[in-house]
Amino acid sequence: MMFWVRMILIGAFSATSLSLMLFQGIEIYHSFLDFFNHRQS
């Protein structure tokens, strides 16, 4: 029983950290696009 609880906790934690990293990556990507677009014009 404890094994499953631990697996679920680790899975949820890794899922949330992955989504946070993905979200930050998208934010950084958009800021890079804005930066280059403003520099060209």
PDB file of N, CA and C in Angstrom:
ATOM      1  N   MET A   1       0.834  -1.208   0.000  1.00  0.00           N
ATOM      2  CA  MET A   1       0.000   0.000   0.000  1.00  0.00           C
ATOM      3  C   MET A   1       0.871   1.262   0.000  1.00  0.00           C
ATOM      4  N   MET A   2       1.870   1.295   0.872  1.00  0.00           N
ATOM      5  CA  MET A   2       2.729   2.487   0.934  1.00  0.00           C
ATOM      6  C   MET A   2       3.425   2.727  -0.403  1.00  0.00           C
ATOM      7  N   PHE A   3       3.758   1.645  -1.101  1.00  0.00           N
ATOM      8  CA  PHE A   3       4.445   1.769  -2.388  1.00  0.00           C
ATOM      9  C   PHE A   3       3.599   2.571  -3.364  1.00  0.00           C
ATOM     10  N   TRP A   4       2.303   2.272  -3.435  1.00  0.00           N
ATOM     11  CA  TRP A   4       1.421   2.976  -4.373  1.00  0.00           C
ATOM     12  C   TRP A   4       1.273   4.437  -3.990  1.00  0.00           C
ATOM     13  N   VAL A   5       1.142   4.699  -2.681  1.00  0.00           N
ATOM     14  CA  VAL A   5       0.999   6.092  -2.232  1.00  0.00           C
ATOM     15  C   VAL A   5       2.236   6.886  -2.630  1.00  0.00           C
ATOM     16  N   ARG A   6       3.408   6.272  -2.429  1.00  0.00           N
ATOM     17  CA  ARG A   6       4.660   6.949  -2.770  1.00  0.00           C
ATOM     18  C   ARG A   6       4.746   7.192  -4.279  1.00  0.00           C
ATOM     19  N   MET A   7       4.359   6.194  -5.069  1.00  0.00           N
ATOM     20  CA  MET A   7       4.396   6.346  -6.527  1.00  0.00           C
ATOM     21  C   MET A   7       3.474   7.470  -6.981  1.00  0.00           C
ATOM     22  N   ILE A   8       2.272   7.547  -6.397  1.00  0.00           N
ATOM     23  CA  ILE A   8       1.309   8.593  -6.778  1.00  0.00           C
ATOM     24  C   ILE A   8       1.852   9.968  -6.394  1.00  0.00           C
ATOM     25  N   LEU A   9       2.444  10.075  -5.198  1.00  0.00           N
ATOM     26  CA  LEU A   9       2.992  11.361  -4.762  1.00  0.00           C
ATOM     27  C   LEU A   9       4.120  11.802  -5.688  1.00  0.00           C
ATOM     28  N   ILE A  10       5.038  10.882  -5.998  1.00  0.00           N
ATOM     29  CA  ILE A  10       6.159  11.221  -6.885  1.00  0.00           C
ATOM     30  C   ILE A  10       5.639  11.596  -8.267  1.00  0.00           C
ATOM     31  N   GLY A  11       4.642  10.871  -8.765  1.00  0.00           N
ATOM     32  CA  GLY A  11       4.073  11.168 -10.079  1.00  0.00           C
ATOM     33  C   GLY A  11       3.447  12.548 -10.109  1.00  0.00           C
ATOM     34  N   ALA A  12       2.674  12.887  -9.069  1.00  0.00           N
ATOM     35  CA  ALA A  12       2.018  14.196  -9.030  1.00  0.00           C
ATOM     36  C   ALA A  12       3.065  15.302  -8.945  1.00  0.00           C
ATOM     37  N   PHE A  13       4.092  15.096  -8.121  1.00  0.00           N
ATOM     38  CA  PHE A  13       5.127  16.110  -7.959  1.00  0.00           C
ATOM     39  C   PHE A  13       5.880  16.355  -9.262  1.00  0.00           C
ATOM     40  N   SER A  14       6.253  15.270  -9.948  1.00  0.00           N
ATOM     41  CA  SER A  14       6.990  15.424 -11.209  1.00  0.00           C
ATOM     42  C   SER A  14       6.096  16.055 -12.271  1.00  0.00           C
ATOM     43  N   ALA A  15       4.800  15.730 -12.258  1.00  0.00           N
ATOM     44  CA  ALA A  15       3.880  16.305 -13.248  1.00  0.00           C
ATOM     45  C   ALA A  15       3.763  17.809 -13.040  1.00  0.00           C
ATOM     46  N   THR A  16       3.628  18.247 -11.787  1.00  0.00           N
ATOM     47  CA  THR A  16       3.500  19.682 -11.525  1.00  0.00           C
ATOM     48  C   THR A  16       4.796  20.411 -11.865  1.00  0.00           C
ATOM     49  N   SER A  17       5.945  19.831 -11.515  1.00  0.00           N
ATOM     50  CA  SER A  17       7.224  20.489 -11.824  1.00  0.00           C
ATOM     51  C   SER A  17       7.436  20.551 -13.331  1.00  0.00           C
ATOM     52  N   LEU A  18       7.030  19.506 -14.047  1.00  0.00           N
ATOM     53  CA  LEU A  18       7.175  19.504 -15.504  1.00  0.00           C
ATOM     54  C   LEU A  18       6.302  20.582 -16.124  1.00  0.00           C
ATOM     55  N   SER A  19       5.058  20.709 -15.655  1.00  0.00           N
ATOM     56  CA  SER A  19       4.163  21.724 -16.225  1.00  0.00           C
ATOM     57  C   SER A  19       4.686  23.120 -15.904  1.00  0.00           C
ATOM     58  N   LEU A  20       5.258  23.308 -14.706  1.00  0.00           N
ATOM     59  CA  LEU A  20       5.818  24.614 -14.353  1.00  0.00           C
ATOM     60  C   LEU A  20       6.999  24.940 -15.256  1.00  0.00           C
ATOM     61  N   MET A  21       7.874  23.963 -15.491  1.00  0.00           N
ATOM     62  CA  MET A  21       9.030  24.193 -16.362  1.00  0.00           C
ATOM     63  C   MET A  21       8.576  24.509 -17.782  1.00  0.00           C
ATOM     64  N   LEU A  22       7.549  23.788 -18.253  1.00  0.00           N
ATOM     65  CA  LEU A  22       7.029  24.029 -19.597  1.00  0.00           C
ATOM     66  C   LEU A  22       6.451  25.434 -19.677  1.00  0.00           C
ATOM     67  N   PHE A  23       5.695  25.841 -18.649  1.00  0.00           N
ATOM     68  CA  PHE A  23       5.086  27.172 -18.635  1.00  0.00           C
ATOM     69  C   PHE A  23       6.162  28.252 -18.670  1.00  0.00           C
ATOM     70  N   GLN A  24       7.207  28.085 -17.847  1.00  0.00           N
ATOM     71  CA  GLN A  24       8.290  29.066 -17.831  1.00  0.00           C
ATOM     72  C   GLN A  24       9.014  29.098 -19.167  1.00  0.00           C
ATOM     73  N   GLY A  25       9.201  27.929 -19.775  1.00  0.00           N
ATOM     74  CA  GLY A  25       9.866  27.863 -21.071  1.00  0.00           C
ATOM     75  C   GLY A  25       9.084  28.633 -22.120  1.00  0.00           C
ATOM     76  N   ILE A  26       7.750  28.505 -22.101  1.00  0.00           N
ATOM     77  CA  ILE A  26       6.908  29.233 -23.055  1.00  0.00           C
ATOM     78  C   ILE A  26       7.018  30.736 -22.796  1.00  0.00           C
ATOM     79  N   GLU A  27       7.027  31.141 -21.537  1.00  0.00           N
ATOM     80  CA  GLU A  27       7.148  32.562 -21.194  1.00  0.00           C
ATOM     81  C   GLU A  27       8.471  33.120 -21.714  1.00  0.00           C
ATOM     82  N   ILE A  28       9.568  32.403 -21.473  1.00  0.00           N
ATOM     83  CA  ILE A  28      10.892  32.845 -21.926  1.00  0.00           C
ATOM     84  C   ILE A  28      10.917  32.919 -23.445  1.00  0.00           C
ATOM     85  N   TYR A  29      10.293  31.934 -24.106  1.00  0.00           N
ATOM     86  CA  TYR A  29      10.240  31.902 -25.566  1.00  0.00           C
ATOM     87  C   TYR A  29       9.519  33.138 -26.099  1.00  0.00           C
ATOM     88  N   HIS A  30       8.393  33.493 -25.468  1.00  0.00           N
ATOM     89  CA  HIS A  30       7.643  34.669 -25.916  1.00  0.00           C
ATOM     90  C   HIS A  30       8.440  35.954 -25.690  1.00  0.00           C
ATOM     91  N   SER A  31       9.130  36.056 -24.563  1.00  0.00           N
ATOM     92  CA  SER A  31       9.915  37.264 -24.300  1.00  0.00           C
ATOM     93  C   SER A  31      11.065  37.376 -25.304  1.00  0.00           C
ATOM     94  N   PHE A  32      11.661  36.249 -25.685  1.00  0.00           N
ATOM     95  CA  PHE A  32      12.710  36.268 -26.712  1.00  0.00           C
ATOM     96  C   PHE A  32      12.144  36.760 -28.033  1.00  0.00           C
ATOM     97  N   LEU A  33      10.958  36.259 -28.416  1.00  0.00           N
ATOM     98  CA  LEU A  33      10.331  36.682 -29.670  1.00  0.00           C
ATOM     99  C   LEU A  33      10.064  38.183 -29.633  1.00  0.00           C
ATOM    100  N   ASP A  34       9.518  38.679 -28.529  1.00  0.00           N
ATOM    101  CA  ASP A  34       9.239  40.116 -28.407  1.00  0.00           C
ATOM    102  C   ASP A  34      10.527  40.915 -28.542  1.00  0.00           C
ATOM    103  N   PHE A  35      11.586  40.459 -27.863  1.00  0.00           N
ATOM    104  CA  PHE A  35      12.863  41.164 -27.887  1.00  0.00           C
ATOM    105  C   PHE A  35      13.393  41.282 -29.310  1.00  0.00           C
ATOM    106  N   PHE A  36      13.411  40.173 -30.051  1.00  0.00           N
ATOM    107  CA  PHE A  36      13.948  40.195 -31.411  1.00  0.00           C
ATOM    108  C   PHE A  36      13.046  40.987 -32.348  1.00  0.00           C
ATOM    109  N   ASN A  37      11.731  40.895 -32.162  1.00  0.00           N
ATOM    110  CA  ASN A  37      10.816  41.647 -33.024  1.00  0.00           C
ATOM    111  C   ASN A  37      10.996  43.148 -32.814  1.00  0.00           C
ATOM    112  N   HIS A  38      11.181  43.574 -31.571  1.00  0.00           N
ATOM    113  CA  HIS A  38      11.366  45.002 -31.295  1.00  0.00           C
ATOM    114  C   HIS A  38      12.721  45.485 -31.813  1.00  0.00           C
ATOM    115  N   ARG A  39      13.721  44.616 -31.777  1.00  0.00           N
ATOM    116  CA  ARG A  39      15.053  45.027 -32.221  1.00  0.00           C
ATOM    117  C   ARG A  39      15.094  45.224 -33.735  1.00  0.00           C
ATOM    118  N   GLN A  40      14.349  44.423 -34.472  1.00  0.00           N
ATOM    119  CA  GLN A  40      14.391  44.512 -35.932  1.00  0.00           C
ATOM    120  C   GLN A  40      13.674  45.761 -36.439  1.00  0.00           C
ATOM    121  N   SER A  41      12.546  46.107 -35.828  1.00  0.00           N
ATOM    122  CA  SER A  41      11.772  47.249 -36.340  1.00  0.00           C
ATOM    123  C   SER A  41      12.377  48.581 -35.929  1.00  0.00           C
TER     124      SER A  41
END
